[in-house]
C-alpha cells in the first residue's frame, strides 16, 4: 500500500477511535472525512442543560504528502499517536504552531 493511502487510513482510524471516547451521552462526536480534499475532522455537538457544546476537537489535513495537524484538543496529541504508528516526524506538521516556532519541535516545519 502506498504512503498516502496508509496516512489516510491511519488518520481516519485515529479520529474514529477518539470519537468513541466521548463520556457524556448528551454530546455526539461526529467524524467528518473529506476524502476528495484530504480533510479530516472530529467535532463535538450537543447540549449540557442550556449550554451549547460545539467545537472542532481534531482537524487534520494531508497536503503534499505531509500530515498537517490544524487543531488538536486532545491530551496526548494526535501527532504523537501518528508517530507511534510509524509516521515519520518529518511527515507531520503542527499547523497550529506559528511557522517561526515549528523548528523548535521534533516535527516538520511545513
C-alpha atoms as a PDB file:
ATOM      1  CA  UNK A   1       0.000   0.000   0.000  1.00  0.00           C
ATOM      2  CA  UNK A   2       1.325   3.458  -0.819  1.00  0.00           C
ATOM      3  CA  UNK A   3       2.171   6.041   1.820  1.00  0.00           C
ATOM      4  CA  UNK A   4      -0.716   8.386   1.043  1.00  0.00           C
ATOM      5  CA  UNK A   5      -3.304   5.610   1.338  1.00  0.00           C
ATOM      6  CA  UNK A   6      -1.693   4.470   4.593  1.00  0.00           C
ATOM      7  CA  UNK A   7      -1.811   8.015   6.012  1.00  0.00           C
ATOM      8  CA  UNK A   8      -5.464   8.391   5.015  1.00  0.00           C
ATOM      9  CA  UNK A   9      -6.463   5.139   6.693  1.00  0.00           C
ATOM     10  CA  UNK A  10      -4.473   5.880   9.832  1.00  0.00           C
ATOM     11  CA  UNK A  11      -5.904   9.396  10.257  1.00  0.00           C
ATOM     12  CA  UNK A  12      -9.450   8.089   9.796  1.00  0.00           C
ATOM     13  CA  UNK A  13      -8.859   5.267  12.269  1.00  0.00           C
ATOM     14  CA  UNK A  14      -7.383   7.552  14.941  1.00  0.00           C
ATOM     15  CA  UNK A  15     -10.218  10.087  14.648  1.00  0.00           C
ATOM     16  CA  UNK A  16     -12.799   7.298  14.810  1.00  0.00           C
ATOM     17  CA  UNK A  17     -11.108   5.807  17.880  1.00  0.00           C
ATOM     18  CA  UNK A  18     -11.025   9.186  19.595  1.00  0.00           C
ATOM     19  CA  UNK A  19     -14.708   9.746  18.770  1.00  0.00           C
ATOM     20  CA  UNK A  20     -15.548   6.605  20.728  1.00  0.00           C
ATOM     21  CA  UNK A  21     -14.065   8.132  23.905  1.00  0.00           C
ATOM     22  CA  UNK A  22     -16.866  10.659  24.473  1.00  0.00           C
ATOM     23  CA  UNK A  23     -18.072  10.072  28.031  1.00  0.00           C
ATOM     24  CA  UNK A  24     -21.149  12.299  28.021  1.00  0.00           C
ATOM     25  CA  UNK A  25     -24.234  10.831  26.296  1.00  0.00           C
ATOM     26  CA  UNK A  26     -25.516  14.359  25.627  1.00  0.00           C
ATOM     27  CA  UNK A  27     -22.531  15.038  23.351  1.00  0.00           C
ATOM     28  CA  UNK A  28     -22.242  13.486  19.911  1.00  0.00           C
ATOM     29  CA  UNK A  29     -18.820  13.009  18.349  1.00  0.00           C
ATOM     30  CA  UNK A  30     -19.017  13.452  14.585  1.00  0.00           C
ATOM     31  CA  UNK A  31     -16.224  12.443  12.255  1.00  0.00           C
ATOM     32  CA  UNK A  32     -16.072  14.368   9.011  1.00  0.00           C
ATOM     33  CA  UNK A  33     -13.943  12.825   6.263  1.00  0.00           C
ATOM     34  CA  UNK A  34     -13.494  14.784   3.023  1.00  0.00           C
ATOM     35  CA  UNK A  35     -11.706  12.113   1.006  1.00  0.00           C
ATOM     36  CA  UNK A  36     -11.563  14.224  -2.140  1.00  0.00           C
ATOM     37  CA  UNK A  37      -9.584  17.042  -0.485  1.00  0.00           C
ATOM     38  CA  UNK A  38      -7.897  15.020   2.320  1.00  0.00           C
ATOM     39  CA  UNK A  39      -9.501  16.941   5.185  1.00  0.00           C
ATOM     40  CA  UNK A  40     -10.491  15.114   8.351  1.00  0.00           C
ATOM     41  CA  UNK A  41     -12.230  16.449  11.463  1.00  0.00           C
ATOM     42  CA  UNK A  42     -13.708  15.320  14.734  1.00  0.00           C
ATOM     43  CA  UNK A  43     -16.411  17.677  16.013  1.00  0.00           C
ATOM     44  CA  UNK A  44     -18.371  17.584  19.276  1.00  0.00           C
ATOM     45  CA  UNK A  45     -22.042  18.586  19.034  1.00  0.00           C
ATOM     46  CA  UNK A  46     -24.715  18.654  21.735  1.00  0.00           C
ATOM     47  CA  UNK A  47     -26.173  20.334  24.781  1.00  0.00           C
ATOM     48  CA  UNK A  48     -25.390  20.266  28.506  1.00  0.00           C
ATOM     49  CA  UNK A  49     -28.561  21.642  30.008  1.00  0.00           C
ATOM     50  CA  UNK A  50     -28.956  25.056  28.397  1.00  0.00           C
ATOM     51  CA  UNK A  51     -25.294  25.239  27.348  1.00  0.00           C
ATOM     52  CA  UNK A  52     -24.487  24.527  23.691  1.00  0.00           C
ATOM     53  CA  UNK A  53     -21.486  22.306  23.085  1.00  0.00           C
ATOM     54  CA  UNK A  54     -19.931  22.607  19.651  1.00  0.00           C
ATOM     55  CA  UNK A  55     -16.339  22.570  18.579  1.00  0.00           C
ATOM     56  CA  UNK A  56     -13.653  21.019  16.476  1.00  0.00           C
ATOM     57  CA  UNK A  57     -11.588  18.682  18.620  1.00  0.00           C
ATOM     58  CA  UNK A  58      -9.299  17.455  15.838  1.00  0.00           C
ATOM     59  CA  UNK A  59      -8.663  18.791  12.355  1.00  0.00           C
ATOM     60  CA  UNK A  60      -6.104  17.058  10.158  1.00  0.00           C
ATOM     61  CA  UNK A  61      -5.262  17.726   6.509  1.00  0.00           C
ATOM     62  CA  UNK A  62      -2.968  15.820   4.199  1.00  0.00           C
ATOM     63  CA  UNK A  63      -1.092  18.280   1.993  1.00  0.00           C
ATOM     64  CA  UNK A  64       1.678  17.352  -0.438  1.00  0.00           C
ATOM     65  CA  UNK A  65       2.275  14.023   1.317  1.00  0.00           C
ATOM     66  CA  UNK A  66       2.527  15.507   4.805  1.00  0.00           C
ATOM     67  CA  UNK A  67       0.004  15.256   7.623  1.00  0.00           C
ATOM     68  CA  UNK A  68      -0.925  18.730   8.864  1.00  0.00           C
ATOM     69  CA  UNK A  69      -2.432  18.852  12.360  1.00  0.00           C
ATOM     70  CA  UNK A  70      -4.501  22.040  12.169  1.00  0.00           C
ATOM     71  CA  UNK A  71      -6.312  21.672  15.517  1.00  0.00           C
ATOM     72  CA  UNK A  72      -5.716  19.290  18.391  1.00  0.00           C
ATOM     73  CA  UNK A  73      -7.807  19.456  21.550  1.00  0.00           C
ATOM     74  CA  UNK A  74      -6.692  16.073  22.885  1.00  0.00           C
ATOM     75  CA  UNK A  75      -4.463  15.359  25.863  1.00  0.00           C
ATOM     76  CA  UNK A  76      -1.999  13.003  24.197  1.00  0.00           C
ATOM     77  CA  UNK A  77      -1.824  14.757  20.844  1.00  0.00           C
ATOM     78  CA  UNK A  78      -2.611  13.120  17.540  1.00  0.00           C
ATOM     79  CA  UNK A  79       0.885  13.933  16.242  1.00  0.00           C
ATOM     80  CA  UNK A  80       2.330  11.699  18.947  1.00  0.00           C
ATOM     81  CA  UNK A  81      -0.160   8.953  18.080  1.00  0.00           C
ATOM     82  CA  UNK A  82       0.759   9.213  14.399  1.00  0.00           C
ATOM     83  CA  UNK A  83       4.458   8.897  15.257  1.00  0.00           C
ATOM     84  CA  UNK A  84       3.721   5.876  17.492  1.00  0.00           C
ATOM     85  CA  UNK A  85       2.060   4.240  14.484  1.00  0.00           C
ATOM     86  CA  UNK A  86       5.152   4.702  12.332  1.00  0.00           C
ATOM     87  CA  UNK A  87       4.601   8.040  10.595  1.00  0.00           C
ATOM     88  CA  UNK A  88       7.998   9.753  10.362  1.00  0.00           C
ATOM     89  CA  UNK A  89       8.039  13.033  12.274  1.00  0.00           C
ATOM     90  CA  UNK A  90       9.318  14.803   9.154  1.00  0.00           C
ATOM     91  CA  UNK A  91       5.906  13.993   7.585  1.00  0.00           C
ATOM     92  CA  UNK A  92       3.900  15.593  10.429  1.00  0.00           C
ATOM     93  CA  UNK A  93       3.406  19.368  10.594  1.00  0.00           C
ATOM     94  CA  UNK A  94       1.936  21.074  13.655  1.00  0.00           C
ATOM     95  CA  UNK A  95      -0.085  23.607  11.695  1.00  0.00           C
ATOM     96  CA  UNK A  96      -1.428  25.224  14.868  1.00  0.00           C
ATOM     97  CA  UNK A  97       2.102  26.366  15.798  1.00  0.00           C
ATOM     98  CA  UNK A  98       3.358  29.604  14.244  1.00  0.00           C
ATOM     99  CA  UNK A  99       5.717  28.840  11.330  1.00  0.00           C
ATOM    100  CA  UNK A 100       8.670  30.550  13.061  1.00  0.00           C
ATOM    101  CA  UNK A 101       8.247  28.276  16.112  1.00  0.00           C
ATOM    102  CA  UNK A 102       7.938  24.914  14.333  1.00  0.00           C
ATOM    103  CA  UNK A 103      11.671  24.310  14.116  1.00  0.00           C
ATOM    104  CA  UNK A 104      11.732  24.010  17.923  1.00  0.00           C
ATOM    105  CA  UNK A 105       9.649  20.804  17.727  1.00  0.00           C
ATOM    106  CA  UNK A 106      10.648  17.328  16.588  1.00  0.00           C
ATOM    107  CA  UNK A 107       8.137  17.601  13.747  1.00  0.00           C
ATOM    108  CA  UNK A 108       8.288  19.074  10.223  1.00  0.00           C
ATOM    109  CA  UNK A 109       8.275  22.817   9.708  1.00  0.00           C
ATOM    110  CA  UNK A 110       5.986  22.779   6.683  1.00  0.00           C
END
